[in-house]
Amino acid sequence: MSEHKSGTQMVRELSQTFRDTAEATQFDSIKEKLSSLADTMEPIAGKLYFKTQKGTDDMIEYVDEMADIQKKLADCADAGAAESLCNPYFERLEKTIKHVKTMKVRMT
């Protein structure tokens, strides 16, 4: 029987991945950003958005992208290359975080 993960579970896993990647990377700016994102995401993991199919689909996409970024980050020679690799990913993720923090839930 296969286990289906919810968006909420993936948020928690992604936060842990960020922490692990931050420990492994040599670039301070990337370390700080990953730690900051992990600290921001974990408390909002239980939000309704992540329990929806759209939230789960978004998190699947982010987890897959982060796996690719981890491999490429290890190959980066300088901080500039690492930042240019990670910044588009961080920007997309920050938009999702902002959406989750500011969304209004209407109970009917």
PDB file of N, CA and C in Angstrom:
ATOM      1  N   MET A   1       0.846  -1.176   0.000  1.00  0.00           N
ATOM      2  CA  MET A   1       0.000   0.000   0.000  1.00  0.00           C
ATOM      3  C   MET A   1       0.893   1.242   0.000  1.00  0.00           C
ATOM      4  N   SER A   2       0.655   2.123  -0.918  1.00  0.00           N
ATOM      5  CA  SER A   2       1.489   3.322  -0.997  1.00  0.00           C
ATOM      6  C   SER A   2       0.977   4.386  -0.034  1.00  0.00           C
ATOM      7  N   GLU A   3       1.901   5.152   0.464  1.00  0.00           N
ATOM      8  CA  GLU A   3       1.549   6.207   1.418  1.00  0.00           C
ATOM      9  C   GLU A   3       1.417   7.525   0.666  1.00  0.00           C
ATOM     10  N   HIS A   4       0.291   8.177   0.838  1.00  0.00           N
ATOM     11  CA  HIS A   4       0.062   9.479   0.210  1.00  0.00           C
ATOM     12  C   HIS A   4       0.384  10.560   1.225  1.00  0.00           C
ATOM     13  N   LYS A   5       1.275  11.464   0.848  1.00  0.00           N
ATOM     14  CA  LYS A   5       1.647  12.547   1.757  1.00  0.00           C
ATOM     15  C   LYS A   5       0.810  13.773   1.457  1.00  0.00           C
ATOM     16  N   SER A   6       0.442  14.472   2.505  1.00  0.00           N
ATOM     17  CA  SER A   6      -0.305  15.713   2.331  1.00  0.00           C
ATOM     18  C   SER A   6       0.679  16.863   2.162  1.00  0.00           C
ATOM     19  N   GLY A   7       0.159  17.985   1.714  1.00  0.00           N
ATOM     20  CA  GLY A   7       0.982  19.180   1.583  1.00  0.00           C
ATOM     21  C   GLY A   7       1.586  19.579   2.915  1.00  0.00           C
ATOM     22  N   THR A   8       0.818  19.369   3.997  1.00  0.00           N
ATOM     23  CA  THR A   8       1.294  19.714   5.335  1.00  0.00           C
ATOM     24  C   THR A   8       2.529  18.896   5.705  1.00  0.00           C
ATOM     25  N   GLN A   9       2.497  17.588   5.424  1.00  0.00           N
ATOM     26  CA  GLN A   9       3.654  16.737   5.706  1.00  0.00           C
ATOM     27  C   GLN A   9       4.856  17.171   4.871  1.00  0.00           C
ATOM     28  N   MET A  10       4.589  17.546   3.631  1.00  0.00           N
ATOM     29  CA  MET A  10       5.676  17.966   2.750  1.00  0.00           C
ATOM     30  C   MET A  10       6.300  19.275   3.209  1.00  0.00           C
ATOM     31  N   VAL A  11       5.489  20.176   3.755  1.00  0.00           N
ATOM     32  CA  VAL A  11       6.028  21.434   4.288  1.00  0.00           C
ATOM     33  C   VAL A  11       7.022  21.118   5.398  1.00  0.00           C
ATOM     34  N   ARG A  12       6.658  20.207   6.272  1.00  0.00           N
ATOM     35  CA  ARG A  12       7.552  19.844   7.380  1.00  0.00           C
ATOM     36  C   ARG A  12       8.829  19.185   6.860  1.00  0.00           C
ATOM     37  N   GLU A  13       8.697  18.308   5.873  1.00  0.00           N
ATOM     38  CA  GLU A  13       9.869  17.661   5.291  1.00  0.00           C
ATOM     39  C   GLU A  13      10.755  18.675   4.574  1.00  0.00           C
ATOM     40  N   LEU A  14      10.132  19.595   3.857  1.00  0.00           N
ATOM     41  CA  LEU A  14      10.888  20.613   3.137  1.00  0.00           C
ATOM     42  C   LEU A  14      11.625  21.521   4.121  1.00  0.00           C
ATOM     43  N   SER A  15      10.999  21.846   5.232  1.00  0.00           N
ATOM     44  CA  SER A  15      11.659  22.650   6.264  1.00  0.00           C
ATOM     45  C   SER A  15      12.899  21.931   6.788  1.00  0.00           C
ATOM     46  N   GLN A  16      12.772  20.639   7.003  1.00  0.00           N
ATOM     47  CA  GLN A  16      13.924  19.864   7.475  1.00  0.00           C
ATOM     48  C   GLN A  16      15.000  19.794   6.398  1.00  0.00           C
ATOM     49  N   THR A  17      14.593  19.656   5.147  1.00  0.00           N
ATOM     50  CA  THR A  17      15.551  19.647   4.040  1.00  0.00           C
ATOM     51  C   THR A  17      16.302  20.966   3.979  1.00  0.00           C
ATOM     52  N   PHE A  18      15.590  22.072   4.183  1.00  0.00           N
ATOM     53  CA  PHE A  18      16.238  23.388   4.203  1.00  0.00           C
ATOM     54  C   PHE A  18      17.299  23.444   5.299  1.00  0.00           C
ATOM     55  N   ARG A  19      16.960  22.925   6.474  1.00  0.00           N
ATOM     56  CA  ARG A  19      17.923  22.949   7.585  1.00  0.00           C
ATOM     57  C   ARG A  19      19.151  22.091   7.262  1.00  0.00           C
ATOM     58  N   ASP A  20      18.914  20.913   6.690  1.00  0.00           N
ATOM     59  CA  ASP A  20      20.021  20.028   6.325  1.00  0.00           C
ATOM     60  C   ASP A  20      20.908  20.661   5.257  1.00  0.00           C
ATOM     61  N   THR A  21      20.277  21.275   4.263  1.00  0.00           N
ATOM     62  CA  THR A  21      21.021  21.924   3.188  1.00  0.00           C
ATOM     63  C   THR A  21      21.803  23.117   3.727  1.00  0.00           C
ATOM     64  N   ALA A  22      21.202  23.861   4.643  1.00  0.00           N
ATOM     65  CA  ALA A  22      21.881  25.016   5.245  1.00  0.00           C
ATOM     66  C   ALA A  22      23.147  24.577   5.983  1.00  0.00           C
ATOM     67  N   GLU A  23      23.071  23.447   6.664  1.00  0.00           N
ATOM     68  CA  GLU A  23      24.250  22.939   7.366  1.00  0.00           C
ATOM     69  C   GLU A  23      25.342  22.519   6.393  1.00  0.00           C
ATOM     70  N   ALA A  24      24.936  21.988   5.245  1.00  0.00           N
ATOM     71  CA  ALA A  24      25.899  21.454   4.287  1.00  0.00           C
ATOM     72  C   ALA A  24      26.521  22.516   3.378  1.00  0.00           C
ATOM     73  N   THR A  25      25.840  23.642   3.194  1.00  0.00           N
ATOM     74  CA  THR A  25      26.346  24.633   2.244  1.00  0.00           C
ATOM     75  C   THR A  25      27.423  25.513   2.866  1.00  0.00           C
ATOM     76  N   GLN A  26      28.283  26.018   2.023  1.00  0.00           N
ATOM     77  CA  GLN A  26      29.390  26.855   2.495  1.00  0.00           C
ATOM     78  C   GLN A  26      29.091  28.345   2.368  1.00  0.00           C
ATOM     79  N   PHE A  27      27.966  28.696   1.765  1.00  0.00           N
ATOM     80  CA  PHE A  27      27.653  30.096   1.502  1.00  0.00           C
ATOM     81  C   PHE A  27      26.727  30.646   2.587  1.00  0.00           C
ATOM     82  N   ASP A  28      27.200  31.659   3.305  1.00  0.00           N
ATOM     83  CA  ASP A  28      26.454  32.209   4.440  1.00  0.00           C
ATOM     84  C   ASP A  28      25.099  32.782   4.054  1.00  0.00           C
ATOM     85  N   SER A  29      25.029  33.477   2.912  1.00  0.00           N
ATOM     86  CA  SER A  29      23.752  34.085   2.514  1.00  0.00           C
ATOM     87  C   SER A  29      22.696  33.018   2.233  1.00  0.00           C
ATOM     88  N   ILE A  30      23.099  31.931   1.613  1.00  0.00           N
ATOM     89  CA  ILE A  30      22.174  30.819   1.327  1.00  0.00           C
ATOM     90  C   ILE A  30      21.782  30.140   2.639  1.00  0.00           C
ATOM     91  N   LYS A  31      22.759  29.956   3.524  1.00  0.00           N
ATOM     92  CA  LYS A  31      22.490  29.358   4.837  1.00  0.00           C
ATOM     93  C   LYS A  31      21.420  30.134   5.586  1.00  0.00           C
ATOM     94  N   GLU A  32      21.597  31.451   5.645  1.00  0.00           N
ATOM     95  CA  GLU A  32      20.648  32.307   6.362  1.00  0.00           C
ATOM     96  C   GLU A  32      19.258  32.237   5.744  1.00  0.00           C
ATOM     97  N   LYS A  33      19.195  32.268   4.418  1.00  0.00           N
ATOM     98  CA  LYS A  33      17.905  32.253   3.724  1.00  0.00           C
ATOM     99  C   LYS A  33      17.184  30.924   3.957  1.00  0.00           C
ATOM    100  N   LEU A  34      17.906  29.823   3.843  1.00  0.00           N
ATOM    101  CA  LEU A  34      17.292  28.508   4.056  1.00  0.00           C
ATOM    102  C   LEU A  34      16.790  28.355   5.491  1.00  0.00           C
ATOM    103  N   SER A  35      17.581  28.790   6.445  1.00  0.00           N
ATOM    104  CA  SER A  35      17.166  28.708   7.851  1.00  0.00           C
ATOM    105  C   SER A  35      15.943  29.576   8.107  1.00  0.00           C
ATOM    106  N   SER A  36      15.946  30.760   7.522  1.00  0.00           N
ATOM    107  CA  SER A  36      14.819  31.679   7.678  1.00  0.00           C
ATOM    108  C   SER A  36      13.539  31.087   7.083  1.00  0.00           C
ATOM    109  N   LEU A  37      13.650  30.511   5.883  1.00  0.00           N
ATOM    110  CA  LEU A  37      12.477  29.893   5.249  1.00  0.00           C
ATOM    111  C   LEU A  37      11.957  28.726   6.086  1.00  0.00           C
ATOM    112  N   ALA A  38      12.858  27.909   6.598  1.00  0.00           N
ATOM    113  CA  ALA A  38      12.446  26.767   7.424  1.00  0.00           C
ATOM    114  C   ALA A  38      11.707  27.250   8.671  1.00  0.00           C
ATOM    115  N   ASP A  39      12.249  28.288   9.308  1.00  0.00           N
ATOM    116  CA  ASP A  39      11.613  28.830  10.514  1.00  0.00           C
ATOM    117  C   ASP A  39      10.260  29.460  10.215  1.00  0.00           C
ATOM    118  N   THR A  40      10.103  30.013   9.020  1.00  0.00           N
ATOM    119  CA  THR A  40       8.839  30.635   8.625  1.00  0.00           C
ATOM    120  C   THR A  40       7.797  29.591   8.251  1.00  0.00           C
ATOM    121  N   MET A  41       8.231  28.540   7.543  1.00  0.00           N
ATOM    122  CA  MET A  41       7.290  27.553   7.017  1.00  0.00           C
ATOM    123  C   MET A  41       6.736  26.609   8.074  1.00  0.00           C
ATOM    124  N   GLU A  42       7.571  26.190   8.991  1.00  0.00           N
ATOM    125  CA  GLU A  42       7.133  25.164   9.937  1.00  0.00           C
ATOM    126  C   GLU A  42       5.882  25.543  10.731  1.00  0.00           C
ATOM    127  N   PRO A  43       5.794  26.754  11.281  1.00  0.00           N
ATOM    128  CA  PRO A  43       4.589  27.098  12.051  1.00  0.00           C
ATOM    129  C   PRO A  43       3.305  27.170  11.215  1.00  0.00           C
ATOM    130  N   ILE A  44       3.431  27.393   9.910  1.00  0.00           N
ATOM    131  CA  ILE A  44       2.223  27.504   9.082  1.00  0.00           C
ATOM    132  C   ILE A  44       1.915  26.214   8.326  1.00  0.00           C
ATOM    133  N   ALA A  45       2.618  25.137   8.645  1.00  0.00           N
ATOM    134  CA  ALA A  45       2.425  23.871   7.935  1.00  0.00           C
ATOM    135  C   ALA A  45       0.998  23.346   8.045  1.00  0.00           C
ATOM    136  N   GLY A  46       0.325  23.630   9.133  1.00  0.00           N
ATOM    137  CA  GLY A  46      -1.025  23.123   9.336  1.00  0.00           C
ATOM    138  C   GLY A  46      -2.119  23.962   8.705  1.00  0.00           C
ATOM    139  N   LYS A  47      -1.760  25.021   8.017  1.00  0.00           N
ATOM    140  CA  LYS A  47      -2.760  25.909   7.406  1.00  0.00           C
ATOM    141  C   LYS A  47      -3.598  25.162   6.367  1.00  0.00           C
ATOM    142  N   LEU A  48      -4.815  25.613   6.220  1.00  0.00           N
ATOM    143  CA  LEU A  48      -5.772  24.979   5.319  1.00  0.00           C
ATOM    144  C   LEU A  48      -5.235  24.835   3.897  1.00  0.00           C
ATOM    145  N   TYR A  49      -4.500  25.839   3.407  1.00  0.00           N
ATOM    146  CA  TYR A  49      -4.012  25.813   2.023  1.00  0.00           C
ATOM    147  C   TYR A  49      -3.236  24.536   1.734  1.00  0.00           C
ATOM    148  N   PHE A  50      -2.378  24.128   2.652  1.00  0.00           N
ATOM    149  CA  PHE A  50      -1.540  22.961   2.414  1.00  0.00           C
ATOM    150  C   PHE A  50      -2.337  21.664   2.459  1.00  0.00           C
ATOM    151  N   LYS A  51      -3.556  21.724   3.002  1.00  0.00           N
ATOM    152  CA  LYS A  51      -4.407  20.536   3.058  1.00  0.00           C
ATOM    153  C   LYS A  51      -5.250  20.386   1.799  1.00  0.00           C
ATOM    154  N   THR A  52      -5.213  21.385   0.925  1.00  0.00           N
ATOM    155  CA  THR A  52      -5.968  21.318  -0.325  1.00  0.00           C
ATOM    156  C   THR A  52      -5.138  20.595  -1.379  1.00  0.00           C
ATOM    157  N   GLN A  53      -5.784  20.172  -2.447  1.00  0.00           N
ATOM    158  CA  GLN A  53      -5.058  19.511  -3.529  1.00  0.00           C
ATOM    159  C   GLN A  53      -4.056  20.466  -4.169  1.00  0.00           C
ATOM    160  N   LYS A  54      -4.441  21.723  -4.353  1.00  0.00           N
ATOM    161  CA  LYS A  54      -3.533  22.723  -4.929  1.00  0.00           C
ATOM    162  C   LYS A  54      -2.307  22.894  -4.042  1.00  0.00           C
ATOM    163  N   GLY A  55      -2.514  22.988  -2.733  1.00  0.00           N
ATOM    164  CA  GLY A  55      -1.395  23.124  -1.802  1.00  0.00           C
ATOM    165  C   GLY A  55      -0.472  21.920  -1.852  1.00  0.00           C
ATOM    166  N   THR A  56      -1.051  20.728  -1.933  1.00  0.00           N
ATOM    167  CA  THR A  56      -0.251  19.509  -2.028  1.00  0.00           C
ATOM    168  C   THR A  56       0.526  19.481  -3.336  1.00  0.00           C
ATOM    169  N   ASP A  57      -0.132  19.828  -4.441  1.00  0.00           N
ATOM    170  CA  ASP A  57       0.549  19.860  -5.743  1.00  0.00           C
ATOM    171  C   ASP A  57       1.708  20.850  -5.737  1.00  0.00           C
ATOM    172  N   ASP A  58       1.483  22.023  -5.151  1.00  0.00           N
ATOM    173  CA  ASP A  58       2.551  23.026  -5.060  1.00  0.00           C
ATOM    174  C   ASP A  58       3.733  22.485  -4.264  1.00  0.00           C
ATOM    175  N   MET A  59       3.463  21.821  -3.156  1.00  0.00           N
ATOM    176  CA  MET A  59       4.548  21.313  -2.323  1.00  0.00           C
ATOM    177  C   MET A  59       5.302  20.190  -3.015  1.00  0.00           C
ATOM    178  N   ILE A  60       4.615  19.347  -3.771  1.00  0.00           N
ATOM    179  CA  ILE A  60       5.300  18.298  -4.543  1.00  0.00           C
ATOM    180  C   ILE A  60       6.294  18.949  -5.496  1.00  0.00           C
ATOM    181  N   GLU A  61       5.845  19.999  -6.166  1.00  0.00           N
ATOM    182  CA  GLU A  61       6.696  20.730  -7.108  1.00  0.00           C
ATOM    183  C   GLU A  61       7.911  21.331  -6.393  1.00  0.00           C
ATOM    184  N   TYR A  62       7.691  21.968  -5.240  1.00  0.00           N
ATOM    185  CA  TYR A  62       8.789  22.593  -4.493  1.00  0.00           C
ATOM    186  C   TYR A  62       9.791  21.556  -3.987  1.00  0.00           C
ATOM    187  N   VAL A  63       9.299  20.411  -3.517  1.00  0.00           N
ATOM    188  CA  VAL A  63      10.183  19.354  -3.020  1.00  0.00           C
ATOM    189  C   VAL A  63      11.055  18.828  -4.155  1.00  0.00           C
ATOM    190  N   ASP A  64      10.454  18.598  -5.326  1.00  0.00           N
ATOM    191  CA  ASP A  64      11.219  18.116  -6.479  1.00  0.00           C
ATOM    192  C   ASP A  64      12.281  19.128  -6.902  1.00  0.00           C
ATOM    193  N   GLU A  65      11.903  20.399  -6.934  1.00  0.00           N
ATOM    194  CA  GLU A  65      12.854  21.446  -7.311  1.00  0.00           C
ATOM    195  C   GLU A  65      13.993  21.535  -6.306  1.00  0.00           C
ATOM    196  N   MET A  66      13.679  21.398  -5.035  1.00  0.00           N
ATOM    197  CA  MET A  66      14.713  21.505  -4.004  1.00  0.00           C
ATOM    198  C   MET A  66      15.716  20.372  -4.133  1.00  0.00           C
ATOM    199  N   ALA A  67      15.272  19.190  -4.519  1.00  0.00           N
ATOM    200  CA  ALA A  67      16.189  18.067  -4.718  1.00  0.00           C
ATOM    201  C   ALA A  67      17.192  18.403  -5.822  1.00  0.00           C
ATOM    202  N   ASP A  68      16.710  19.016  -6.906  1.00  0.00           N
ATOM    203  CA  ASP A  68      17.600  19.424  -7.996  1.00  0.00           C
ATOM    204  C   ASP A  68      18.561  20.510  -7.531  1.00  0.00           C
ATOM    205  N   ILE A  69      18.041  21.469  -6.773  1.00  0.00           N
ATOM    206  CA  ILE A  69      18.865  22.590  -6.313  1.00  0.00           C
ATOM    207  C   ILE A  69      19.960  22.100  -5.365  1.00  0.00           C
ATOM    208  N   GLN A  70      19.639  21.142  -4.506  1.00  0.00           N
ATOM    209  CA  GLN A  70      20.643  20.609  -3.574  1.00  0.00           C
ATOM    210  C   GLN A  70      21.845  20.068  -4.334  1.00  0.00           C
ATOM    211  N   LYS A  71      21.589  19.305  -5.395  1.00  0.00           N
ATOM    212  CA  LYS A  71      22.673  18.720  -6.188  1.00  0.00           C
ATOM    213  C   LYS A  71      23.494  19.814  -6.860  1.00  0.00           C
ATOM    214  N   LYS A  72      22.811  20.789  -7.453  1.00  0.00           N
ATOM    215  CA  LYS A  72      23.503  21.860  -8.167  1.00  0.00           C
ATOM    216  C   LYS A  72      24.243  22.789  -7.212  1.00  0.00           C
ATOM    217  N   LEU A  73      23.697  22.999  -6.023  1.00  0.00           N
ATOM    218  CA  LEU A  73      24.317  23.882  -5.038  1.00  0.00           C
ATOM    219  C   LEU A  73      25.680  23.347  -4.605  1.00  0.00           C
ATOM    220  N   ALA A  74      25.792  22.043  -4.512  1.00  0.00           N
ATOM    221  CA  ALA A  74      27.063  21.430  -4.130  1.00  0.00           C
ATOM    222  C   ALA A  74      28.145  21.701  -5.172  1.00  0.00           C
ATOM    223  N   ASP A  75      27.740  21.909  -6.421  1.00  0.00           N
ATOM    224  CA  ASP A  75      28.692  22.151  -7.505  1.00  0.00           C
ATOM    225  C   ASP A  75      29.041  23.620  -7.695  1.00  0.00           C
ATOM    226  N   CYS A  76      28.342  24.525  -7.018  1.00  0.00           N
ATOM    227  CA  CYS A  76      28.586  25.964  -7.189  1.00  0.00           C
ATOM    228  C   CYS A  76      29.947  26.340  -6.607  1.00  0.00           C
ATOM    229  N   ALA A  77      30.691  27.130  -7.388  1.00  0.00           N
ATOM    230  CA  ALA A  77      32.036  27.526  -6.971  1.00  0.00           C
ATOM    231  C   ALA A  77      32.047  28.780  -6.111  1.00  0.00           C
ATOM    232  N   ASP A  78      31.075  29.664  -6.314  1.00  0.00           N
ATOM    233  CA  ASP A  78      31.076  30.905  -5.528  1.00  0.00           C
ATOM    234  C   ASP A  78      29.663  31.273  -5.090  1.00  0.00           C
ATOM    235  N   ALA A  79      29.584  32.243  -4.181  1.00  0.00           N
ATOM    236  CA  ALA A  79      28.300  32.647  -3.607  1.00  0.00           C
ATOM    237  C   ALA A  79      27.373  33.251  -4.652  1.00  0.00           C
ATOM    238  N   GLY A  80      27.918  33.973  -5.614  1.00  0.00           N
ATOM    239  CA  GLY A  80      27.101  34.584  -6.667  1.00  0.00           C
ATOM    240  C   GLY A  80      26.364  33.540  -7.487  1.00  0.00           C
ATOM    241  N   ALA A  81      27.068  32.477  -7.846  1.00  0.00           N
ATOM    242  CA  ALA A  81      26.443  31.399  -8.613  1.00  0.00           C
ATOM    243  C   ALA A  81      25.367  30.705  -7.785  1.00  0.00           C
ATOM    244  N   ALA A  82      25.646  30.506  -6.507  1.00  0.00           N
ATOM    245  CA  ALA A  82      24.679  29.852  -5.620  1.00  0.00           C
ATOM    246  C   ALA A  82      23.425  30.702  -5.468  1.00  0.00           C
ATOM    247  N   GLU A  83      23.609  32.014  -5.310  1.00  0.00           N
ATOM    248  CA  GLU A  83      22.458  32.906  -5.161  1.00  0.00           C
ATOM    249  C   GLU A  83      21.628  32.967  -6.431  1.00  0.00           C
ATOM    250  N   SER A  84      22.282  33.032  -7.590  1.00  0.00           N
ATOM    251  CA  SER A  84      21.519  33.090  -8.840  1.00  0.00           C
ATOM    252  C   SER A  84      20.764  31.784  -9.085  1.00  0.00           C
ATOM    253  N   LEU A  85      21.284  30.691  -8.583  1.00  0.00           N
ATOM    254  CA  LEU A  85      20.600  29.403  -8.693  1.00  0.00           C
ATOM    255  C   LEU A  85      19.382  29.345  -7.771  1.00  0.00           C
ATOM    256  N   CYS A  86      19.532  29.821  -6.548  1.00  0.00           N
ATOM    257  CA  CYS A  86      18.495  29.670  -5.524  1.00  0.00           C
ATOM    258  C   CYS A  86      17.447  30.778  -5.502  1.00  0.00           C
ATOM    259  N   ASN A  87      17.803  31.991  -5.885  1.00  0.00           N
ATOM    260  CA  ASN A  87      16.879  33.122  -5.739  1.00  0.00           C
ATOM    261  C   ASN A  87      15.532  32.947  -6.440  1.00  0.00           C
ATOM    262  N   PRO A  88      15.474  32.457  -7.692  1.00  0.00           N
ATOM    263  CA  PRO A  88      14.143  32.267  -8.302  1.00  0.00           C
ATOM    264  C   PRO A  88      13.272  31.288  -7.506  1.00  0.00           C
ATOM    265  N   TYR A  89      13.875  30.251  -6.978  1.00  0.00           N
ATOM    266  CA  TYR A  89      13.162  29.274  -6.153  1.00  0.00           C
ATOM    267  C   TYR A  89      12.656  29.931  -4.871  1.00  0.00           C
ATOM    268  N   PHE A  90      13.530  30.703  -4.221  1.00  0.00           N
ATOM    269  CA  PHE A  90      13.147  31.388  -2.984  1.00  0.00           C
ATOM    270  C   PHE A  90      11.995  32.358  -3.226  1.00  0.00           C
ATOM    271  N   GLU A  91      12.041  33.077  -4.341  1.00  0.00           N
ATOM    272  CA  GLU A  91      10.984  34.051  -4.647  1.00  0.00           C
ATOM    273  C   GLU A  91       9.631  33.366  -4.828  1.00  0.00           C
ATOM    274  N   ARG A  92       9.616  32.252  -5.553  1.00  0.00           N
ATOM    275  CA  ARG A  92       8.355  31.513  -5.747  1.00  0.00           C
ATOM    276  C   ARG A  92       7.819  30.994  -4.416  1.00  0.00           C
ATOM    277  N   LEU A  93       8.698  30.470  -3.605  1.00  0.00           N
ATOM    278  CA  LEU A  93       8.293  29.928  -2.311  1.00  0.00           C
ATOM    279  C   LEU A  93       7.793  31.034  -1.386  1.00  0.00           C
ATOM    280  N   GLU A  94       8.430  32.184  -1.421  1.00  0.00           N
ATOM    281  CA  GLU A  94       7.990  33.311  -0.586  1.00  0.00           C
ATOM    282  C   GLU A  94       6.601  33.801  -0.989  1.00  0.00           C
ATOM    283  N   LYS A  95       6.271  33.738  -2.286  1.00  0.00           N
ATOM    284  CA  LYS A  95       4.919  34.106  -2.734  1.00  0.00           C
ATOM    285  C   LYS A  95       3.889  33.157  -2.125  1.00  0.00           C
ATOM    286  N   THR A  96       4.205  31.873  -2.124  1.00  0.00           N
ATOM    287  CA  THR A  96       3.294  30.889  -1.535  1.00  0.00           C
ATOM    288  C   THR A  96       3.143  31.130  -0.038  1.00  0.00           C
ATOM    289  N   ILE A  97       4.245  31.400   0.645  1.00  0.00           N
ATOM    290  CA  ILE A  97       4.197  31.657   2.084  1.00  0.00           C
ATOM    291  C   ILE A  97       3.338  32.882   2.370  1.00  0.00           C
ATOM    292  N   LYS A  98       3.512  33.932   1.569  1.00  0.00           N
ATOM    293  CA  LYS A  98       2.715  35.150   1.764  1.00  0.00           C
ATOM    294  C   LYS A  98       1.230  34.849   1.559  1.00  0.00           C
ATOM    295  N   HIS A  99       0.925  34.059   0.528  1.00  0.00           N
ATOM    296  CA  HIS A  99      -0.462  33.676   0.260  1.00  0.00           C
ATOM    297  C   HIS A  99      -1.056  32.939   1.458  1.00  0.00           C
ATOM    298  N   VAL A 100      -0.304  31.984   1.989  1.00  0.00           N
ATOM    299  CA  VAL A 100      -0.791  31.184   3.116  1.00  0.00           C
ATOM    300  C   VAL A 100      -1.014  32.053   4.348  1.00  0.00           C
ATOM    301  N   LYS A 101      -0.099  32.978   4.596  1.00  0.00           N
ATOM    302  CA  LYS A 101      -0.208  33.835   5.784  1.00  0.00           C
ATOM    303  C   LYS A 101      -1.359  34.829   5.687  1.00  0.00           C
ATOM    304  N   THR A 102      -1.686  35.271   4.478  1.00  0.00           N
ATOM    305  CA  THR A 102      -2.676  36.340   4.334  1.00  0.00           C
ATOM    306  C   THR A 102      -4.031  35.874   3.831  1.00  0.00           C
ATOM    307  N   MET A 103      -4.155  34.596   3.496  1.00  0.00           N
ATOM    308  CA  MET A 103      -5.423  34.139   2.925  1.00  0.00           C
ATOM    309  C   MET A 103      -6.545  34.185   3.957  1.00  0.00           C
ATOM    310  N   LYS A 104      -7.705  34.436   3.463  1.00  0.00           N
ATOM    311  CA  LYS A 104      -8.901  34.474   4.306  1.00  0.00           C
ATOM    312  C   LYS A 104      -9.672  33.177   4.084  1.00  0.00           C
ATOM    313  N   VAL A 105     -10.068  32.573   5.160  1.00  0.00           N
ATOM    314  CA  VAL A 105     -10.842  31.343   5.072  1.00  0.00           C
ATOM    315  C   VAL A 105     -12.278  31.675   5.425  1.00  0.00           C
ATOM    316  N   ARG A 106     -13.157  31.344   4.506  1.00  0.00           N
ATOM    317  CA  ARG A 106     -14.575  31.616   4.741  1.00  0.00           C
ATOM    318  C   ARG A 106     -15.285  30.310   5.059  1.00  0.00           C
ATOM    319  N   MET A 107     -15.889  30.252   6.188  1.00  0.00           N
ATOM    320  CA  MET A 107     -16.615  29.047   6.583  1.00  0.00           C
ATOM    321  C   MET A 107     -18.072  29.194   6.158  1.00  0.00           C
ATOM    322  N   THR A 108     -18.580  28.203   5.450  1.00  0.00           N
ATOM    323  CA  THR A 108     -19.983  28.269   5.012  1.00  0.00           C
ATOM    324  C   THR A 108     -20.778  27.133   5.598  1.00  0.00           C
TER     325      THR A 108
END
